[in-house]
Amino acid sequence: MRRGLLRSIVLLPGMALLFVPGILLSIERGLGKDMGNAGPQEIQFWVALLLLILGLALAIWTVRLQLTIGQGTPAPWDPPVKLVVQGPYRHVRNPMITGAFLIIAAESLFYQSCFTSLWLLIFIGFNLVYIPRVEEGELAERFGEEYLRYLDHVPRWIPRVRPWRMDVE
């Protein structure tokens, strides 16, 4: 496994999906909040499980595409050298972040945690600002016209029904 990938998994999603929610759950419990985990008899358990499976599948799929097609990692210190417009990237520009949203939502539902729900809103809000203002500009510089064409055809958050193909407009 590439060292850059291992570092990016530990630092980026590890912090957002495990460390921060874990700290928030500890604080919430320390404040005496009576949070019971959702059990299989409750609908939120099954919704959380579905969101977790979808989020993990999307995250794993997109990381694999970044490694194989992009020839890099999702991390800013070892970014892809080729633009990835396959798989879920043909429908939406940010499927990896969508996967993270789904995972944090699953945690929030499973643990029935107000603090984790607040973290989800903060995480979404941060990405709603960061991605268009910082990340997309960096990608446009790195990939040029190819990325600008992609921007014109693939939405940032709401997936398009029909997959876009760069070779067919």
C-alpha atoms as a PDB file:
ATOM      1  CA  MET A   1       0.000   0.000   0.000  1.00  0.00           C
ATOM      2  CA  ARG A   2       1.289   3.447  -0.842  1.00  0.00           C
ATOM      3  CA  ARG A   3       2.521   5.329   2.193  1.00  0.00           C
ATOM      4  CA  GLY A   4       0.734   8.492   1.032  1.00  0.00           C
ATOM      5  CA  LEU A   5      -2.552   6.600   0.884  1.00  0.00           C
ATOM      6  CA  LEU A   6      -2.176   5.210   4.390  1.00  0.00           C
ATOM      7  CA  ARG A   7      -1.387   8.678   5.726  1.00  0.00           C
ATOM      8  CA  SER A   8      -4.342  10.184   3.847  1.00  0.00           C
ATOM      9  CA  ILE A   9      -6.712   7.532   5.224  1.00  0.00           C
ATOM     10  CA  VAL A  10      -5.548   8.041   8.806  1.00  0.00           C
ATOM     11  CA  LEU A  11      -5.450  11.838   8.701  1.00  0.00           C
ATOM     12  CA  LEU A  12      -8.361  12.908   6.523  1.00  0.00           C
ATOM     13  CA  PRO A  13     -11.280  10.492   6.824  1.00  0.00           C
ATOM     14  CA  GLY A  14      -9.949   9.114  10.109  1.00  0.00           C
ATOM     15  CA  MET A  15     -10.267  12.543  11.699  1.00  0.00           C
ATOM     16  CA  ALA A  16     -13.618  13.492  10.156  1.00  0.00           C
ATOM     17  CA  LEU A  17     -15.326  10.106  10.413  1.00  0.00           C
ATOM     18  CA  LEU A  18     -13.861   8.559  13.568  1.00  0.00           C
ATOM     19  CA  PHE A  19     -11.833  10.918  15.762  1.00  0.00           C
ATOM     20  CA  VAL A  20     -14.147  13.959  15.825  1.00  0.00           C
ATOM     21  CA  PRO A  21     -17.369  11.903  16.230  1.00  0.00           C
ATOM     22  CA  GLY A  22     -15.656   9.813  18.944  1.00  0.00           C
ATOM     23  CA  ILE A  23     -14.626  12.919  20.876  1.00  0.00           C
ATOM     24  CA  LEU A  24     -18.100  14.423  20.472  1.00  0.00           C
ATOM     25  CA  LEU A  25     -19.775  11.225  21.681  1.00  0.00           C
ATOM     26  CA  SER A  26     -17.467  11.152  24.714  1.00  0.00           C
ATOM     27  CA  ILE A  27     -18.279  14.779  25.530  1.00  0.00           C
ATOM     28  CA  GLU A  28     -21.999  14.208  25.055  1.00  0.00           C
ATOM     29  CA  ARG A  29     -21.962  11.155  27.329  1.00  0.00           C
ATOM     30  CA  GLY A  30     -19.803  13.034  29.845  1.00  0.00           C
ATOM     31  CA  LEU A  31     -22.457  15.727  30.009  1.00  0.00           C
ATOM     32  CA  GLY A  32     -24.928  13.065  31.101  1.00  0.00           C
ATOM     33  CA  LYS A  33     -26.867  12.892  27.864  1.00  0.00           C
ATOM     34  CA  ASP A  34     -28.933   9.725  27.859  1.00  0.00           C
ATOM     35  CA  MET A  35     -28.089   8.446  24.409  1.00  0.00           C
ATOM     36  CA  GLY A  36     -29.064   4.918  23.638  1.00  0.00           C
ATOM     37  CA  ASN A  37     -27.677   3.307  20.542  1.00  0.00           C
ATOM     38  CA  ALA A  38     -30.321   2.426  17.977  1.00  0.00           C
ATOM     39  CA  GLY A  39     -31.143  -1.270  18.054  1.00  0.00           C
ATOM     40  CA  PRO A  40     -32.323  -3.607  15.299  1.00  0.00           C
ATOM     41  CA  GLN A  41     -35.923  -3.131  16.435  1.00  0.00           C
ATOM     42  CA  GLU A  42     -35.744   0.551  15.481  1.00  0.00           C
ATOM     43  CA  ILE A  43     -35.987   1.978  11.984  1.00  0.00           C
ATOM     44  CA  GLN A  44     -33.059   4.379  12.513  1.00  0.00           C
ATOM     45  CA  PHE A  45     -30.762   1.370  13.044  1.00  0.00           C
ATOM     46  CA  TRP A  46     -31.592   0.069   9.569  1.00  0.00           C
ATOM     47  CA  VAL A  47     -31.425   3.492   7.959  1.00  0.00           C
ATOM     48  CA  ALA A  48     -28.045   4.058   9.654  1.00  0.00           C
ATOM     49  CA  LEU A  49     -26.810   0.684   8.433  1.00  0.00           C
ATOM     50  CA  LEU A  50     -27.912   1.444   4.874  1.00  0.00           C
ATOM     51  CA  LEU A  51     -26.252   4.887   4.956  1.00  0.00           C
ATOM     52  CA  LEU A  52     -23.060   3.364   6.363  1.00  0.00           C
ATOM     53  CA  ILE A  53     -22.900   0.677   3.676  1.00  0.00           C
ATOM     54  CA  LEU A  54     -23.580   3.188   0.892  1.00  0.00           C
ATOM     55  CA  GLY A  55     -21.087   5.696   2.310  1.00  0.00           C
ATOM     56  CA  LEU A  56     -18.322   3.115   2.744  1.00  0.00           C
ATOM     57  CA  ALA A  57     -18.910   1.640  -0.709  1.00  0.00           C
ATOM     58  CA  LEU A  58     -18.772   5.087  -2.301  1.00  0.00           C
ATOM     59  CA  ALA A  59     -15.645   6.060  -0.355  1.00  0.00           C
ATOM     60  CA  ILE A  60     -13.811   2.832  -1.190  1.00  0.00           C
ATOM     61  CA  TRP A  61     -14.831   3.013  -4.857  1.00  0.00           C
ATOM     62  CA  THR A  62     -13.682   6.612  -5.234  1.00  0.00           C
ATOM     63  CA  VAL A  63     -10.360   6.045  -3.449  1.00  0.00           C
ATOM     64  CA  ARG A  64      -9.716   3.060  -5.707  1.00  0.00           C
ATOM     65  CA  LEU A  65     -10.414   5.205  -8.789  1.00  0.00           C
ATOM     66  CA  GLN A  66      -8.091   7.934  -7.480  1.00  0.00           C
ATOM     67  CA  LEU A  67      -5.322   5.343  -7.054  1.00  0.00           C
ATOM     68  CA  THR A  68      -5.750   3.416 -10.286  1.00  0.00           C
ATOM     69  CA  ILE A  69      -6.948   5.975 -12.825  1.00  0.00           C
ATOM     70  CA  GLY A  70      -5.822   9.199 -11.145  1.00  0.00           C
ATOM     71  CA  GLN A  71      -2.468   7.716 -10.130  1.00  0.00           C
ATOM     72  CA  GLY A  72      -2.525   9.528  -6.808  1.00  0.00           C
ATOM     73  CA  THR A  73      -4.426   9.635  -3.549  1.00  0.00           C
ATOM     74  CA  PRO A  74      -7.311  11.805  -2.352  1.00  0.00           C
ATOM     75  CA  ALA A  75      -4.864  13.693  -0.125  1.00  0.00           C
ATOM     76  CA  PRO A  76      -3.628  17.160  -1.123  1.00  0.00           C
ATOM     77  CA  TRP A  77       0.014  16.130  -0.529  1.00  0.00           C
ATOM     78  CA  ASP A  78      -0.223  13.256  -3.067  1.00  0.00           C
ATOM     79  CA  PRO A  79      -2.994  14.305  -5.480  1.00  0.00           C
ATOM     80  CA  PRO A  80      -4.015  12.450  -8.628  1.00  0.00           C
ATOM     81  CA  VAL A  81      -2.057  13.374 -11.745  1.00  0.00           C
ATOM     82  CA  LYS A  82      -4.911  12.410 -14.071  1.00  0.00           C
ATOM     83  CA  LEU A  83      -8.492  13.663 -13.903  1.00  0.00           C
ATOM     84  CA  VAL A  84     -10.884  10.912 -12.820  1.00  0.00           C
ATOM     85  CA  VAL A  85     -14.197  10.965 -14.706  1.00  0.00           C
ATOM     86  CA  GLN A  86     -15.214   7.319 -14.343  1.00  0.00           C
ATOM     87  CA  GLY A  87     -17.628   5.508 -12.054  1.00  0.00           C
ATOM     88  CA  PRO A  88     -19.536   7.819  -9.726  1.00  0.00           C
ATOM     89  CA  TYR A  89     -17.536  10.810 -10.992  1.00  0.00           C
ATOM     90  CA  ARG A  90     -19.574  10.569 -14.197  1.00  0.00           C
ATOM     91  CA  HIS A  91     -22.689  11.463 -12.189  1.00  0.00           C
ATOM     92  CA  VAL A  92     -21.450  13.897  -9.525  1.00  0.00           C
ATOM     93  CA  ARG A  93     -18.198  15.813  -8.927  1.00  0.00           C
ATOM     94  CA  ASN A  94     -17.789  15.004  -5.229  1.00  0.00           C
ATOM     95  CA  PRO A  95     -18.783  11.391  -4.581  1.00  0.00           C
ATOM     96  CA  MET A  96     -16.047  10.894  -1.982  1.00  0.00           C
ATOM     97  CA  ILE A  97     -17.406  13.731   0.172  1.00  0.00           C
ATOM     98  CA  THR A  98     -20.935  12.423  -0.385  1.00  0.00           C
ATOM     99  CA  GLY A  99     -19.721   9.101   1.037  1.00  0.00           C
ATOM    100  CA  ALA A 100     -18.344  10.931   4.086  1.00  0.00           C
ATOM    101  CA  PHE A 101     -21.673  12.765   4.557  1.00  0.00           C
ATOM    102  CA  LEU A 102     -23.479   9.417   4.504  1.00  0.00           C
ATOM    103  CA  ILE A 103     -21.101   7.863   7.040  1.00  0.00           C
ATOM    104  CA  ILE A 104     -21.423  10.749   9.519  1.00  0.00           C
ATOM    105  CA  ALA A 105     -25.208  10.703   9.067  1.00  0.00           C
ATOM    106  CA  ALA A 106     -25.150   6.962   9.840  1.00  0.00           C
ATOM    107  CA  GLU A 107     -23.138   7.593  13.018  1.00  0.00           C
ATOM    108  CA  SER A 108     -25.543  10.311  14.062  1.00  0.00           C
ATOM    109  CA  LEU A 109     -28.569   8.072  13.581  1.00  0.00           C
ATOM    110  CA  PHE A 110     -27.025   4.993  15.173  1.00  0.00           C
ATOM    111  CA  TYR A 111     -25.761   6.791  18.271  1.00  0.00           C
ATOM    112  CA  GLN A 112     -28.786   9.105  18.389  1.00  0.00           C
ATOM    113  CA  SER A 113     -26.361  11.932  19.026  1.00  0.00           C
ATOM    114  CA  CYS A 114     -27.160  15.639  18.802  1.00  0.00           C
ATOM    115  CA  PHE A 115     -23.444  16.503  18.832  1.00  0.00           C
ATOM    116  CA  THR A 116     -22.692  14.176  15.919  1.00  0.00           C
ATOM    117  CA  SER A 117     -25.654  15.631  14.035  1.00  0.00           C
ATOM    118  CA  LEU A 118     -24.195  19.095  14.637  1.00  0.00           C
ATOM    119  CA  TRP A 119     -20.798  17.823  13.380  1.00  0.00           C
ATOM    120  CA  LEU A 120     -22.519  16.607  10.201  1.00  0.00           C
ATOM    121  CA  LEU A 121     -23.970  20.078   9.609  1.00  0.00           C
ATOM    122  CA  ILE A 122     -20.579  21.731  10.250  1.00  0.00           C
ATOM    123  CA  PHE A 123     -18.819  19.243   7.955  1.00  0.00           C
ATOM    124  CA  ILE A 124     -21.366  19.813   5.188  1.00  0.00           C
ATOM    125  CA  GLY A 125     -21.150  23.585   5.633  1.00  0.00           C
ATOM    126  CA  PHE A 126     -17.350  23.539   5.499  1.00  0.00           C
ATOM    127  CA  ASN A 127     -17.364  21.498   2.281  1.00  0.00           C
ATOM    128  CA  LEU A 128     -20.061  23.667   0.695  1.00  0.00           C
ATOM    129  CA  VAL A 129     -17.634  26.578   1.036  1.00  0.00           C
ATOM    130  CA  TYR A 130     -14.222  24.881   0.667  1.00  0.00           C
ATOM    131  CA  ILE A 131     -14.880  22.816  -2.445  1.00  0.00           C
ATOM    132  CA  PRO A 132     -16.093  25.612  -4.765  1.00  0.00           C
ATOM    133  CA  ARG A 133     -13.742  28.278  -3.365  1.00  0.00           C
ATOM    134  CA  VAL A 134     -10.522  26.282  -3.012  1.00  0.00           C
ATOM    135  CA  GLU A 135     -10.564  22.759  -4.382  1.00  0.00           C
ATOM    136  CA  GLU A 136     -12.227  23.469  -7.716  1.00  0.00           C
ATOM    137  CA  GLY A 137      -9.784  26.299  -8.448  1.00  0.00           C
ATOM    138  CA  GLU A 138      -6.831  24.044  -7.718  1.00  0.00           C
ATOM    139  CA  LEU A 139      -8.276  21.312  -9.951  1.00  0.00           C
ATOM    140  CA  ALA A 140      -8.865  23.823 -12.754  1.00  0.00           C
ATOM    141  CA  GLU A 141      -5.214  24.904 -12.524  1.00  0.00           C
ATOM    142  CA  ARG A 142      -3.962  21.321 -12.476  1.00  0.00           C
ATOM    143  CA  PHE A 143      -6.185  19.856 -15.216  1.00  0.00           C
ATOM    144  CA  GLY A 144      -7.078  22.943 -17.259  1.00  0.00           C
ATOM    145  CA  GLU A 145      -9.616  22.745 -20.080  1.00  0.00           C
ATOM    146  CA  GLU A 146     -10.368  19.094 -19.391  1.00  0.00           C
ATOM    147  CA  TYR A 147     -11.597  19.952 -15.882  1.00  0.00           C
ATOM    148  CA  LEU A 148     -13.501  23.028 -17.058  1.00  0.00           C
ATOM    149  CA  ARG A 149     -15.445  20.835 -19.530  1.00  0.00           C
ATOM    150  CA  TYR A 150     -16.162  18.442 -16.681  1.00  0.00           C
ATOM    151  CA  LEU A 151     -17.454  21.336 -14.525  1.00  0.00           C
ATOM    152  CA  ASP A 152     -19.850  22.337 -17.293  1.00  0.00           C
ATOM    153  CA  HIS A 153     -21.443  18.883 -17.492  1.00  0.00           C
ATOM    154  CA  VAL A 154     -21.317  17.229 -14.078  1.00  0.00           C
ATOM    155  CA  PRO A 155     -23.035  18.789 -11.043  1.00  0.00           C
ATOM    156  CA  ARG A 156     -21.204  19.360  -7.780  1.00  0.00           C
ATOM    157  CA  TRP A 157     -23.681  17.729  -5.360  1.00  0.00           C
ATOM    158  CA  ILE A 158     -26.911  16.483  -6.967  1.00  0.00           C
ATOM    159  CA  PRO A 159     -26.067  13.518  -9.222  1.00  0.00           C
ATOM    160  CA  ARG A 160     -27.113  13.602 -12.850  1.00  0.00           C
ATOM    161  CA  VAL A 161     -29.205  10.598 -13.849  1.00  0.00           C
ATOM    162  CA  ARG A 162     -27.376   9.802 -17.064  1.00  0.00           C
ATOM    163  CA  PRO A 163     -23.612   9.378 -16.716  1.00  0.00           C
ATOM    164  CA  TRP A 164     -21.526  11.961 -18.538  1.00  0.00           C
ATOM    165  CA  ARG A 165     -18.843  10.827 -20.938  1.00  0.00           C
ATOM    166  CA  MET A 166     -15.999  13.170 -21.738  1.00  0.00           C
ATOM    167  CA  ASP A 167     -15.694  11.807 -25.289  1.00  0.00           C
ATOM    168  CA  VAL A 168     -19.408  12.408 -26.018  1.00  0.00           C
ATOM    169  CA  GLU A 169     -21.025  15.792 -25.365  1.00  0.00           C
END
